[in-house]
Amino acid sequence: MIDRADAEAVIYRVAVSAFAYYPDKATKEPGYTVDEDVEWSLEPVSALDSAQTAELEDRIREAITSLACDRQGFIQYVLGLADA
């Protein structure tokens, strides 16, 4: 379980990253990778086990890069980690 404030920090960081992301960002901004945004978004939640971290990492990457992502579902998932 994670702290509610940490869950909200993850959601905020993902929102900032998703807002700034565009498909050819790596081409127009040499050295950029979505992995740096994923790592930054995960920083507040170091207390998760490896399976939870891997799942959250995948969901963060999708929330940043996919226009089709269910972001409301993502938010519920992250907040659910705090409520567990």
PDB file of N, CA and C in Angstrom:
ATOM      1  N   MET A   1       0.844  -1.178   0.000  1.00  0.00           N
ATOM      2  CA  MET A   1       0.000   0.000   0.000  1.00  0.00           C
ATOM      3  C   MET A   1       0.889   1.240   0.000  1.00  0.00           C
ATOM      4  N   ILE A   2       0.414   2.266  -0.675  1.00  0.00           N
ATOM      5  CA  ILE A   2       1.147   3.520  -0.721  1.00  0.00           C
ATOM      6  C   ILE A   2       0.319   4.624  -0.066  1.00  0.00           C
ATOM      7  N   ASP A   3       0.967   5.688   0.275  1.00  0.00           N
ATOM      8  CA  ASP A   3       0.314   6.838   0.870  1.00  0.00           C
ATOM      9  C   ASP A   3      -0.544   7.557  -0.183  1.00  0.00           C
ATOM     10  N   ARG A   4      -1.678   8.084   0.216  1.00  0.00           N
ATOM     11  CA  ARG A   4      -2.581   8.776  -0.711  1.00  0.00           C
ATOM     12  C   ARG A   4      -1.874   9.965  -1.382  1.00  0.00           C
ATOM     13  N   ALA A   5      -1.066  10.694  -0.637  1.00  0.00           N
ATOM     14  CA  ALA A   5      -0.346  11.834  -1.212  1.00  0.00           C
ATOM     15  C   ALA A   5       0.633  11.377  -2.288  1.00  0.00           C
ATOM     16  N   ASP A   6       1.259  10.222  -2.077  1.00  0.00           N
ATOM     17  CA  ASP A   6       2.170   9.686  -3.086  1.00  0.00           C
ATOM     18  C   ASP A   6       1.409   9.265  -4.342  1.00  0.00           C
ATOM     19  N   ALA A   7       0.233   8.675  -4.158  1.00  0.00           N
ATOM     20  CA  ALA A   7      -0.595   8.295  -5.297  1.00  0.00           C
ATOM     21  C   ALA A   7      -0.991   9.532  -6.098  1.00  0.00           C
ATOM     22  N   GLU A   8      -1.356  10.584  -5.409  1.00  0.00           N
ATOM     23  CA  GLU A   8      -1.730  11.820  -6.090  1.00  0.00           C
ATOM     24  C   GLU A   8      -0.536  12.442  -6.798  1.00  0.00           C
ATOM     25  N   ALA A   9       0.657  12.302  -6.229  1.00  0.00           N
ATOM     26  CA  ALA A   9       1.873  12.802  -6.876  1.00  0.00           C
ATOM     27  C   ALA A   9       2.140  12.047  -8.175  1.00  0.00           C
ATOM     28  N   VAL A  10       1.913  10.740  -8.169  1.00  0.00           N
ATOM     29  CA  VAL A  10       2.083   9.944  -9.388  1.00  0.00           C
ATOM     30  C   VAL A  10       1.106  10.425 -10.455  1.00  0.00           C
ATOM     31  N   ILE A  11      -0.143  10.610 -10.081  1.00  0.00           N
ATOM     32  CA  ILE A  11      -1.159  11.057 -11.030  1.00  0.00           C
ATOM     33  C   ILE A  11      -0.773  12.420 -11.604  1.00  0.00           C
ATOM     34  N   TYR A  12      -0.329  13.330 -10.763  1.00  0.00           N
ATOM     35  CA  TYR A  12       0.084  14.654 -11.227  1.00  0.00           C
ATOM     36  C   TYR A  12       1.243  14.555 -12.221  1.00  0.00           C
ATOM     37  N   ARG A  13       2.251  13.760 -11.883  1.00  0.00           N
ATOM     38  CA  ARG A  13       3.422  13.641 -12.748  1.00  0.00           C
ATOM     39  C   ARG A  13       3.064  13.012 -14.092  1.00  0.00           C
ATOM     40  N   VAL A  14       2.188  12.030 -14.074  1.00  0.00           N
ATOM     41  CA  VAL A  14       1.743  11.411 -15.324  1.00  0.00           C
ATOM     42  C   VAL A  14       0.967  12.428 -16.157  1.00  0.00           C
ATOM     43  N   ALA A  15       0.140  13.221 -15.515  1.00  0.00           N
ATOM     44  CA  ALA A  15      -0.623  14.233 -16.243  1.00  0.00           C
ATOM     45  C   ALA A  15       0.305  15.243 -16.922  1.00  0.00           C
ATOM     46  N   VAL A  16       1.308  15.697 -16.204  1.00  0.00           N
ATOM     47  CA  VAL A  16       2.273  16.643 -16.781  1.00  0.00           C
ATOM     48  C   VAL A  16       2.993  15.997 -17.960  1.00  0.00           C
ATOM     49  N   SER A  17       3.426  14.769 -17.774  1.00  0.00           N
ATOM     50  CA  SER A  17       4.149  14.061 -18.841  1.00  0.00           C
ATOM     51  C   SER A  17       3.270  13.823 -20.052  1.00  0.00           C
ATOM     52  N   ALA A  18       2.019  13.427 -19.830  1.00  0.00           N
ATOM     53  CA  ALA A  18       1.099  13.176 -20.942  1.00  0.00           C
ATOM     54  C   ALA A  18       0.784  14.463 -21.694  1.00  0.00           C
ATOM     55  N   PHE A  19       0.654  15.557 -20.969  1.00  0.00           N
ATOM     56  CA  PHE A  19       0.362  16.840 -21.597  1.00  0.00           C
ATOM     57  C   PHE A  19       1.511  17.282 -22.501  1.00  0.00           C
ATOM     58  N   ALA A  20       2.745  16.996 -22.090  1.00  0.00           N
ATOM     59  CA  ALA A  20       3.926  17.435 -22.840  1.00  0.00           C
ATOM     60  C   ALA A  20       4.349  16.446 -23.924  1.00  0.00           C
ATOM     61  N   TYR A  21       3.768  15.261 -23.928  1.00  0.00           N
ATOM     62  CA  TYR A  21       4.175  14.214 -24.867  1.00  0.00           C
ATOM     63  C   TYR A  21       3.523  14.401 -26.229  1.00  0.00           C
ATOM     64  N   TYR A  22       4.260  14.105 -27.276  1.00  0.00           N
ATOM     65  CA  TYR A  22       3.724  14.001 -28.622  1.00  0.00           C
ATOM     66  C   TYR A  22       4.505  12.892 -29.331  1.00  0.00           C
ATOM     67  N   PRO A  23       3.897  12.224 -30.310  1.00  0.00           N
ATOM     68  CA  PRO A  23       4.485  11.012 -30.891  1.00  0.00           C
ATOM     69  C   PRO A  23       5.931  11.135 -31.378  1.00  0.00           C
ATOM     70  N   ASP A  24       6.322  12.243 -31.970  1.00  0.00           N
ATOM     71  CA  ASP A  24       7.702  12.328 -32.465  1.00  0.00           C
ATOM     72  C   ASP A  24       8.597  13.182 -31.563  1.00  0.00           C
ATOM     73  N   LYS A  25       8.274  13.217 -30.279  1.00  0.00           N
ATOM     74  CA  LYS A  25       9.048  14.005 -29.321  1.00  0.00           C
ATOM     75  C   LYS A  25      10.510  13.564 -29.277  1.00  0.00           C
ATOM     76  N   ALA A  26      10.759  12.268 -29.351  1.00  0.00           N
ATOM     77  CA  ALA A  26      12.137  11.760 -29.299  1.00  0.00           C
ATOM     78  C   ALA A  26      12.952  12.236 -30.499  1.00  0.00           C
ATOM     79  N   THR A  27      12.299  12.450 -31.626  1.00  0.00           N
ATOM     80  CA  THR A  27      12.981  12.937 -32.817  1.00  0.00           C
ATOM     81  C   THR A  27      13.264  14.436 -32.715  1.00  0.00           C
ATOM     82  N   LYS A  28      12.303  15.172 -32.221  1.00  0.00           N
ATOM     83  CA  LYS A  28      12.445  16.623 -32.142  1.00  0.00           C
ATOM     84  C   LYS A  28      13.228  17.083 -30.914  1.00  0.00           C
ATOM     85  N   GLU A  29      13.310  16.228 -29.907  1.00  0.00           N
ATOM     86  CA  GLU A  29      14.071  16.530 -28.698  1.00  0.00           C
ATOM     87  C   GLU A  29      15.084  15.404 -28.493  1.00  0.00           C
ATOM     88  N   PRO A  30      16.236  15.507 -29.140  1.00  0.00           N
ATOM     89  CA  PRO A  30      17.250  14.452 -29.054  1.00  0.00           C
ATOM     90  C   PRO A  30      17.590  14.096 -27.598  1.00  0.00           C
ATOM     91  N   GLY A  31      17.652  12.804 -27.345  1.00  0.00           N
ATOM     92  CA  GLY A  31      17.967  12.322 -26.004  1.00  0.00           C
ATOM     93  C   GLY A  31      16.738  12.013 -25.168  1.00  0.00           C
ATOM     94  N   TYR A  32      15.567  12.511 -25.577  1.00  0.00           N
ATOM     95  CA  TYR A  32      14.347  12.237 -24.817  1.00  0.00           C
ATOM     96  C   TYR A  32      13.919  10.797 -25.034  1.00  0.00           C
ATOM     97  N   THR A  33      13.500  10.162 -23.963  1.00  0.00           N
ATOM     98  CA  THR A  33      12.804   8.877 -24.052  1.00  0.00           C
ATOM     99  C   THR A  33      11.625   8.928 -23.088  1.00  0.00           C
ATOM    100  N   VAL A  34      10.575   8.228 -23.415  1.00  0.00           N
ATOM    101  CA  VAL A  34       9.422   8.184 -22.527  1.00  0.00           C
ATOM    102  C   VAL A  34       9.812   7.541 -21.192  1.00  0.00           C
ATOM    103  N   ASP A  35      10.865   6.729 -21.199  1.00  0.00           N
ATOM    104  CA  ASP A  35      11.309   6.079 -19.968  1.00  0.00           C
ATOM    105  C   ASP A  35      11.673   7.092 -18.885  1.00  0.00           C
ATOM    106  N   GLU A  36      12.222   8.241 -19.282  1.00  0.00           N
ATOM    107  CA  GLU A  36      12.569   9.243 -18.268  1.00  0.00           C
ATOM    108  C   GLU A  36      11.310   9.808 -17.623  1.00  0.00           C
ATOM    109  N   ASP A  37      10.230   9.953 -18.381  1.00  0.00           N
ATOM    110  CA  ASP A  37       8.966  10.405 -17.803  1.00  0.00           C
ATOM    111  C   ASP A  37       8.360   9.326 -16.908  1.00  0.00           C
ATOM    112  N   VAL A  38       8.477   8.082 -17.317  1.00  0.00           N
ATOM    113  CA  VAL A  38       7.963   6.971 -16.509  1.00  0.00           C
ATOM    114  C   VAL A  38       8.724   6.901 -15.186  1.00  0.00           C
ATOM    115  N   GLU A  39      10.034   6.982 -15.241  1.00  0.00           N
ATOM    116  CA  GLU A  39      10.850   6.936 -14.018  1.00  0.00           C
ATOM    117  C   GLU A  39      10.510   8.097 -13.092  1.00  0.00           C
ATOM    118  N   TRP A  40      10.362   9.291 -13.642  1.00  0.00           N
ATOM    119  CA  TRP A  40      10.016  10.465 -12.838  1.00  0.00           C
ATOM    120  C   TRP A  40       8.652  10.268 -12.178  1.00  0.00           C
ATOM    121  N   SER A  41       7.713   9.699 -12.922  1.00  0.00           N
ATOM    122  CA  SER A  41       6.370   9.475 -12.392  1.00  0.00           C
ATOM    123  C   SER A  41       6.349   8.439 -11.278  1.00  0.00           C
ATOM    124  N   LEU A  42       7.270   7.484 -11.330  1.00  0.00           N
ATOM    125  CA  LEU A  42       7.330   6.421 -10.320  1.00  0.00           C
ATOM    126  C   LEU A  42       8.070   6.828  -9.038  1.00  0.00           C
ATOM    127  N   GLU A  43       8.816   7.910  -9.076  1.00  0.00           N
ATOM    128  CA  GLU A  43       9.639   8.298  -7.919  1.00  0.00           C
ATOM    129  C   GLU A  43       8.895   8.335  -6.583  1.00  0.00           C
ATOM    130  N   PRO A  44       7.671   8.837  -6.518  1.00  0.00           N
ATOM    131  CA  PRO A  44       7.006   8.920  -5.214  1.00  0.00           C
ATOM    132  C   PRO A  44       6.595   7.579  -4.600  1.00  0.00           C
ATOM    133  N   VAL A  45       6.636   6.488  -5.371  1.00  0.00           N
ATOM    134  CA  VAL A  45       6.084   5.222  -4.871  1.00  0.00           C
ATOM    135  C   VAL A  45       7.130   4.105  -4.824  1.00  0.00           C
ATOM    136  N   SER A  46       8.145   4.297  -4.058  1.00  0.00           N
ATOM    137  CA  SER A  46       9.200   3.286  -3.965  1.00  0.00           C
ATOM    138  C   SER A  46       8.802   2.104  -3.084  1.00  0.00           C
ATOM    139  N   ALA A  47       7.680   2.194  -2.377  1.00  0.00           N
ATOM    140  CA  ALA A  47       7.268   1.142  -1.445  1.00  0.00           C
ATOM    141  C   ALA A  47       6.559  -0.035  -2.112  1.00  0.00           C
ATOM    142  N   LEU A  48       6.299   0.035  -3.401  1.00  0.00           N
ATOM    143  CA  LEU A  48       5.598  -1.048  -4.085  1.00  0.00           C
ATOM    144  C   LEU A  48       6.521  -2.235  -4.325  1.00  0.00           C
ATOM    145  N   ASP A  49       5.929  -3.436  -4.355  1.00  0.00           N
ATOM    146  CA  ASP A  49       6.740  -4.603  -4.682  1.00  0.00           C
ATOM    147  C   ASP A  49       7.006  -4.609  -6.191  1.00  0.00           C
ATOM    148  N   SER A  50       7.866  -5.504  -6.632  1.00  0.00           N
ATOM    149  CA  SER A  50       8.305  -5.483  -8.035  1.00  0.00           C
ATOM    150  C   SER A  50       7.159  -5.749  -9.013  1.00  0.00           C
ATOM    151  N   ALA A  51       6.225  -6.614  -8.668  1.00  0.00           N
ATOM    152  CA  ALA A  51       5.098  -6.897  -9.556  1.00  0.00           C
ATOM    153  C   ALA A  51       4.198  -5.667  -9.689  1.00  0.00           C
ATOM    154  N   GLN A  52       3.920  -5.001  -8.576  1.00  0.00           N
ATOM    155  CA  GLN A  52       3.091  -3.794  -8.614  1.00  0.00           C
ATOM    156  C   GLN A  52       3.799  -2.674  -9.375  1.00  0.00           C
ATOM    157  N   THR A  53       5.103  -2.561  -9.169  1.00  0.00           N
ATOM    158  CA  THR A  53       5.877  -1.535  -9.867  1.00  0.00           C
ATOM    159  C   THR A  53       5.843  -1.774 -11.365  1.00  0.00           C
ATOM    160  N   ALA A  54       6.008  -3.014 -11.789  1.00  0.00           N
ATOM    161  CA  ALA A  54       5.979  -3.341 -13.221  1.00  0.00           C
ATOM    162  C   ALA A  54       4.618  -3.031 -13.823  1.00  0.00           C
ATOM    163  N   GLU A  55       3.546  -3.381 -13.116  1.00  0.00           N
ATOM    164  CA  GLU A  55       2.190  -3.097 -13.599  1.00  0.00           C
ATOM    165  C   GLU A  55       1.966  -1.588 -13.698  1.00  0.00           C
ATOM    166  N   LEU A  56       2.356  -0.856 -12.669  1.00  0.00           N
ATOM    167  CA  LEU A  56       2.177   0.590 -12.671  1.00  0.00           C
ATOM    168  C   LEU A  56       3.016   1.237 -13.766  1.00  0.00           C
ATOM    169  N   GLU A  57       4.216   0.754 -13.960  1.00  0.00           N
ATOM    170  CA  GLU A  57       5.081   1.274 -15.021  1.00  0.00           C
ATOM    171  C   GLU A  57       4.416   1.131 -16.391  1.00  0.00           C
ATOM    172  N   ASP A  58       3.836  -0.025 -16.663  1.00  0.00           N
ATOM    173  CA  ASP A  58       3.139  -0.248 -17.931  1.00  0.00           C
ATOM    174  C   ASP A  58       1.944   0.693 -18.086  1.00  0.00           C
ATOM    175  N   ARG A  59       1.205   0.867 -17.001  1.00  0.00           N
ATOM    176  CA  ARG A  59       0.033   1.743 -17.047  1.00  0.00           C
ATOM    177  C   ARG A  59       0.434   3.207 -17.222  1.00  0.00           C
ATOM    178  N   ILE A  60       1.524   3.605 -16.582  1.00  0.00           N
ATOM    179  CA  ILE A  60       2.020   4.974 -16.732  1.00  0.00           C
ATOM    180  C   ILE A  60       2.435   5.221 -18.174  1.00  0.00           C
ATOM    181  N   ARG A  61       3.197   4.294 -18.745  1.00  0.00           N
ATOM    182  CA  ARG A  61       3.648   4.445 -20.132  1.00  0.00           C
ATOM    183  C   ARG A  61       2.445   4.596 -21.076  1.00  0.00           C
ATOM    184  N   GLU A  62       1.429   3.781 -20.868  1.00  0.00           N
ATOM    185  CA  GLU A  62       0.237   3.860 -21.708  1.00  0.00           C
ATOM    186  C   GLU A  62      -0.487   5.192 -21.505  1.00  0.00           C
ATOM    187  N   ALA A  63      -0.607   5.640 -20.261  1.00  0.00           N
ATOM    188  CA  ALA A  63      -1.302   6.901 -19.983  1.00  0.00           C
ATOM    189  C   ALA A  63      -0.577   8.087 -20.609  1.00  0.00           C
ATOM    190  N   ILE A  64       0.733   8.019 -20.692  1.00  0.00           N
ATOM    191  CA  ILE A  64       1.505   9.108 -21.293  1.00  0.00           C
ATOM    192  C   ILE A  64       1.407   9.076 -22.804  1.00  0.00           C
ATOM    193  N   THR A  65       1.512   7.903 -23.398  1.00  0.00           N
ATOM    194  CA  THR A  65       1.690   7.815 -24.854  1.00  0.00           C
ATOM    195  C   THR A  65       0.437   7.520 -25.666  1.00  0.00           C
ATOM    196  N   SER A  66      -0.599   6.999 -25.047  1.00  0.00           N
ATOM    197  CA  SER A  66      -1.764   6.551 -25.812  1.00  0.00           C
ATOM    198  C   SER A  66      -2.956   7.494 -25.647  1.00  0.00           C
ATOM    199  N   LEU A  67      -3.414   8.042 -26.759  1.00  0.00           N
ATOM    200  CA  LEU A  67      -4.610   8.881 -26.721  1.00  0.00           C
ATOM    201  C   LEU A  67      -5.850   8.058 -26.370  1.00  0.00           C
ATOM    202  N   ALA A  68      -5.796   6.770 -26.633  1.00  0.00           N
ATOM    203  CA  ALA A  68      -6.934   5.894 -26.376  1.00  0.00           C
ATOM    204  C   ALA A  68      -6.983   5.379 -24.938  1.00  0.00           C
ATOM    205  N   CYS A  69      -5.993   5.736 -24.143  1.00  0.00           N
ATOM    206  CA  CYS A  69      -5.919   5.248 -22.762  1.00  0.00           C
ATOM    207  C   CYS A  69      -7.115   5.740 -21.951  1.00  0.00           C
ATOM    208  N   ASP A  70      -7.642   4.854 -21.122  1.00  0.00           N
ATOM    209  CA  ASP A  70      -8.714   5.214 -20.189  1.00  0.00           C
ATOM    210  C   ASP A  70      -8.055   5.877 -18.984  1.00  0.00           C
ATOM    211  N   ARG A  71      -7.896   7.178 -19.035  1.00  0.00           N
ATOM    212  CA  ARG A  71      -7.182   7.889 -17.970  1.00  0.00           C
ATOM    213  C   ARG A  71      -7.963   7.890 -16.655  1.00  0.00           C
ATOM    214  N   GLN A  72      -9.271   7.872 -16.747  1.00  0.00           N
ATOM    215  CA  GLN A  72     -10.069   7.780 -15.533  1.00  0.00           C
ATOM    216  C   GLN A  72      -9.812   6.425 -14.847  1.00  0.00           C
ATOM    217  N   GLY A  73      -9.718   5.372 -15.635  1.00  0.00           N
ATOM    218  CA  GLY A  73      -9.381   4.054 -15.095  1.00  0.00           C
ATOM    219  C   GLY A  73      -7.987   4.040 -14.499  1.00  0.00           C
ATOM    220  N   PHE A  74      -7.049   4.751 -15.137  1.00  0.00           N
ATOM    221  CA  PHE A  74      -5.687   4.856 -14.613  1.00  0.00           C
ATOM    222  C   PHE A  74      -5.704   5.530 -13.240  1.00  0.00           C
ATOM    223  N   ILE A  75      -6.430   6.615 -13.126  1.00  0.00           N
ATOM    224  CA  ILE A  75      -6.509   7.338 -11.847  1.00  0.00           C
ATOM    225  C   ILE A  75      -7.105   6.439 -10.776  1.00  0.00           C
ATOM    226  N   GLN A  76      -8.166   5.724 -11.103  1.00  0.00           N
ATOM    227  CA  GLN A  76      -8.780   4.811 -10.130  1.00  0.00           C
ATOM    228  C   GLN A  76      -7.804   3.718  -9.722  1.00  0.00           C
ATOM    229  N   TYR A  77      -7.036   3.207 -10.666  1.00  0.00           N
ATOM    230  CA  TYR A  77      -6.050   2.173 -10.346  1.00  0.00           C
ATOM    231  C   TYR A  77      -5.014   2.711  -9.358  1.00  0.00           C
ATOM    232  N   VAL A  78      -4.467   3.873  -9.649  1.00  0.00           N
ATOM    233  CA  VAL A  78      -3.432   4.436  -8.778  1.00  0.00           C
ATOM    234  C   VAL A  78      -3.990   4.746  -7.389  1.00  0.00           C
ATOM    235  N   LEU A  79      -5.163   5.350  -7.340  1.00  0.00           N
ATOM    236  CA  LEU A  79      -5.764   5.631  -6.031  1.00  0.00           C
ATOM    237  C   LEU A  79      -6.098   4.337  -5.293  1.00  0.00           C
ATOM    238  N   GLY A  80      -6.420   3.283  -6.044  1.00  0.00           N
ATOM    239  CA  GLY A  80      -6.678   1.987  -5.426  1.00  0.00           C
ATOM    240  C   GLY A  80      -5.456   1.398  -4.750  1.00  0.00           C
ATOM    241  N   LEU A  81      -4.285   1.745  -5.243  1.00  0.00           N
ATOM    242  CA  LEU A  81      -3.054   1.291  -4.585  1.00  0.00           C
ATOM    243  C   LEU A  81      -2.912   1.918  -3.198  1.00  0.00           C
ATOM    244  N   ALA A  82      -3.461   3.107  -3.028  1.00  0.00           N
ATOM    245  CA  ALA A  82      -3.400   3.773  -1.734  1.00  0.00           C
ATOM    246  C   ALA A  82      -4.480   3.262  -0.792  1.00  0.00           C
ATOM    247  N   ASP A  83      -5.576   2.808  -1.341  1.00  0.00           N
ATOM    248  CA  ASP A  83      -6.691   2.351  -0.524  1.00  0.00           C
ATOM    249  C   ASP A  83      -6.587   0.881  -0.128  1.00  0.00           C
ATOM    250  N   ALA A  84      -5.693   0.155  -0.795  1.00  0.00           N
ATOM    251  CA  ALA A  84      -5.583  -1.298  -0.555  1.00  0.00           C
ATOM    252  C   ALA A  84      -5.150  -1.612   0.854  1.00  0.00           C
TER     253      ALA A  84
END
